[in-house]
Every structure is written in C-alpha cells, then in structure tokens.
Amino acid sequence: MYPNFALLFLLNHHNEVLLLRRINTPFCNNCYSLPGGRIETGETATQAAVREAKNSINLTIAPTSLSCVHVMHRKCNDPEFFACVFHPLTVNAKPTNLEPERHDDMQWCALNKLPDNMVTAHRHAIEQIDQQIFYSEHGW
C-alpha cells in the first residue's frame, strides 16, 4: 500500500503561498514544497493536516477550519498516491520552521512567481488551485 498525503495551502494577505525547501529527504532534495506529509495509519487526512501544521510549522489549526481545495491522484515512477490539499480558513499565528533538519528555507512566494526548483506535483497542485480545479491527475 502506498502512502497518501495531506498538504497545506497557506496564503498570506499579499496572496503569497508558503513554501518550504526540502533537505536531507529521500525525495526532491533542494526543492520547494507545500507544508504537509504522510497520512498515518488510522488517521484522517484532516487529522494529518492538523498534525503536520503543528509539527512542521508550529501552527495550531482547528480541523473545522480546513477546507479541501484540491485532490490529486499522483503517479511518480512506480508509486501512486492521493494528496489532499487543505486551505485553513483562519490562521492566527505566524508559521515557524520547526524542522530545520528537513527544511532549510521557508518563504512566501507569489502564485505567479513560484521557484524553479519546486516539487512538480506541488507546483501542479498550486496551479490547479489557482484555476479553481478541485481534482486532477498528475504523472500518468
């Protein structure tokens, strides 16, 4: 069974998306990505998004404030998986990188000026969200 993922689409008041640059990871080192991670066994996608927000960027988000803005069925080499992208309706704190051993940079990027070195599936998800497309298939 392949893992599934919960990702966070966080926008600031300048309409910029929060991205983290990955390091020391088995996938896409030195590439920017949306915050998030694997959905653990026995955990819902919403619970995973809340957990990842707290553990990786120090945000406490109520599950009821999460809105699913995109679902992507992704194929990457052999594995295939689903990624649910959530947008919190309210965020009352400033994100902080709590995993410097996994992310060496955190920055807000304009939706029309995403970094070149970005996880392709995450770029795809952001583009789909910007076009208000709720579901997509990527890498097939």
Protein backbone atom coordinates (compact mmCIF):
# COMPACT_ATOMS: atom_id res chain seq x y z
CA MET A 1 0.00 0.00 0.00
CA TYR A 2 1.38 3.39 -0.95
CA PRO A 3 1.19 6.39 1.37
CA ASN A 4 -1.24 9.22 0.89
CA PHE A 5 -0.50 12.82 1.79
CA ALA A 6 -2.12 15.87 3.36
CA LEU A 7 -0.72 19.22 2.25
CA LEU A 8 -1.39 22.79 3.36
CA PHE A 9 -2.09 25.68 1.02
CA LEU A 10 -1.38 28.74 3.16
CA LEU A 11 -1.84 32.22 1.73
CA ASN A 12 -0.82 35.47 3.37
CA HIS A 13 -2.54 38.84 2.92
CA HIS A 14 -0.31 39.50 -0.15
CA ASN A 15 -1.75 36.39 -1.85
CA GLU A 16 1.58 34.55 -1.49
CA VAL A 17 1.83 30.83 -0.76
CA LEU A 18 4.06 29.40 1.98
CA LEU A 19 6.77 27.02 0.71
CA LEU A 20 9.50 25.01 2.43
CA ARG A 21 12.76 23.89 0.81
CA ARG A 22 13.47 20.21 1.43
CA ILE A 23 16.86 18.90 2.59
CA ASN A 24 18.06 15.51 3.88
CA THR A 25 14.95 13.83 2.49
CA PRO A 26 14.67 10.78 0.23
CA PHE A 27 12.61 12.73 -2.34
CA CYS A 28 13.21 16.07 -4.11
CA ASN A 29 16.08 17.47 -2.06
CA ASN A 30 16.66 21.21 -2.60
CA CYS A 31 13.14 21.64 -3.97
CA TYR A 32 10.40 23.79 -2.51
CA SER A 33 7.17 22.15 -1.41
CA LEU A 34 3.92 22.84 0.34
CA PRO A 35 3.95 22.06 4.07
CA GLY A 36 2.50 18.67 4.88
CA GLY A 37 3.29 15.00 4.96
CA ARG A 38 2.07 11.43 5.04
CA ILE A 39 -1.29 10.43 6.38
CA GLU A 40 -0.55 7.87 9.09
CA THR A 41 -2.46 4.61 9.52
CA GLY A 42 -5.70 5.25 11.40
CA GLU A 43 -5.52 8.99 10.75
CA THR A 44 -7.84 11.03 8.55
CA ALA A 45 -6.47 13.47 6.00
CA THR A 46 -7.76 16.34 8.12
CA GLN A 47 -6.06 15.00 11.23
CA ALA A 48 -2.81 14.64 9.27
CA ALA A 49 -3.02 18.23 8.03
CA VAL A 50 -3.57 19.48 11.60
CA ARG A 51 -0.67 17.35 12.91
CA GLU A 52 1.70 18.41 10.13
CA ALA A 53 0.83 22.09 10.64
CA LYS A 54 1.71 21.83 14.32
CA ASN A 55 4.81 19.63 13.95
CA SER A 56 6.45 21.26 10.95
CA ILE A 57 5.45 24.95 11.00
CA ASN A 58 4.10 25.45 14.55
CA LEU A 59 0.54 26.37 13.58
CA THR A 60 -2.42 25.22 15.60
CA ILE A 61 -5.29 24.77 13.17
CA ALA A 62 -8.78 23.61 14.07
CA PRO A 63 -9.91 20.71 11.86
CA THR A 64 -13.19 22.53 11.23
CA SER A 65 -11.31 25.48 9.74
CA LEU A 66 -9.78 23.34 6.97
CA SER A 67 -11.28 23.45 3.51
CA CYS A 68 -10.16 20.86 0.95
CA VAL A 69 -9.18 22.87 -2.12
CA HIS A 70 -7.63 20.15 -4.28
CA VAL A 71 -7.29 16.38 -4.54
CA MET A 72 -4.58 14.99 -6.78
CA HIS A 73 -4.06 11.39 -7.91
CA ARG A 74 -0.32 11.25 -8.47
CA LYS A 75 1.94 8.72 -10.13
CA CYS A 76 5.66 9.09 -9.51
CA ASN A 77 7.78 6.31 -11.04
CA ASP A 78 6.22 3.18 -9.53
CA PRO A 79 4.28 4.54 -6.54
CA GLU A 80 0.92 6.17 -6.91
CA PHE A 81 -0.93 8.04 -4.22
CA PHE A 82 -3.52 10.66 -3.41
CA ALA A 83 -2.72 14.06 -1.97
CA CYS A 84 -5.39 16.20 -0.33
CA VAL A 85 -4.57 19.90 -0.21
CA PHE A 86 -6.24 21.90 2.55
CA HIS A 87 -6.59 25.63 2.97
CA PRO A 88 -7.20 26.78 6.55
CA LEU A 89 -9.93 29.39 6.68
CA THR A 90 -8.27 31.06 9.66
CA VAL A 91 -4.66 31.18 10.81
CA ASN A 92 -3.92 33.27 13.89
CA ALA A 93 -0.16 32.80 14.14
CA LYS A 94 3.00 33.22 12.13
CA PRO A 95 4.46 29.95 10.77
CA THR A 96 7.84 28.91 12.12
CA ASN A 97 10.09 26.22 10.66
CA LEU A 98 10.28 23.55 13.39
CA GLU A 99 12.17 21.07 11.21
CA PRO A 100 15.43 22.77 10.12
CA GLU A 101 16.95 19.33 9.57
CA ARG A 102 14.31 18.72 6.85
CA HIS A 103 13.71 22.27 5.58
CA ASP A 104 16.50 24.81 5.25
CA ASP A 105 14.32 27.65 3.94
CA MET A 106 10.76 28.83 4.39
CA GLN A 107 9.35 31.65 2.30
CA TRP A 108 6.21 33.24 0.96
CA CYS A 109 6.09 33.14 -2.87
CA ALA A 110 3.78 34.91 -5.28
CA LEU A 111 1.50 32.46 -7.06
CA ASN A 112 2.76 33.72 -10.43
CA LYS A 113 6.45 33.58 -9.38
CA LEU A 114 6.95 30.12 -7.92
CA PRO A 115 10.58 28.95 -7.64
CA ASP A 116 12.02 26.89 -10.49
CA ASN A 117 13.27 24.26 -8.05
CA MET A 118 9.91 23.06 -6.84
CA VAL A 119 8.34 19.62 -6.40
CA THR A 120 6.50 19.27 -9.72
CA ALA A 121 3.39 17.77 -8.15
CA HIS A 122 3.13 20.64 -5.67
CA ARG A 123 3.54 23.21 -8.44
CA HIS A 124 0.80 21.36 -10.35
CA ALA A 125 -1.49 21.42 -7.30
CA ILE A 126 -0.96 25.17 -6.78
CA GLU A 127 -1.69 25.86 -10.45
CA GLN A 128 -4.86 23.77 -10.27
CA ILE A 129 -5.99 25.55 -7.10
CA ASP A 130 -5.34 28.92 -8.74
CA GLN A 131 -7.61 27.82 -11.61
CA GLN A 132 -10.22 26.55 -9.11
CA ILE A 133 -9.88 22.95 -10.33
CA PHE A 134 -10.75 20.62 -7.47
CA TYR A 135 -9.42 17.29 -8.81
CA SER A 136 -6.50 16.38 -11.05
CA GLU A 137 -4.29 13.51 -12.13
CA HIS A 138 -0.56 14.11 -12.42
CA GLY A 139 2.31 11.97 -13.71
CA TRP A 140 0.24 9.35 -15.51
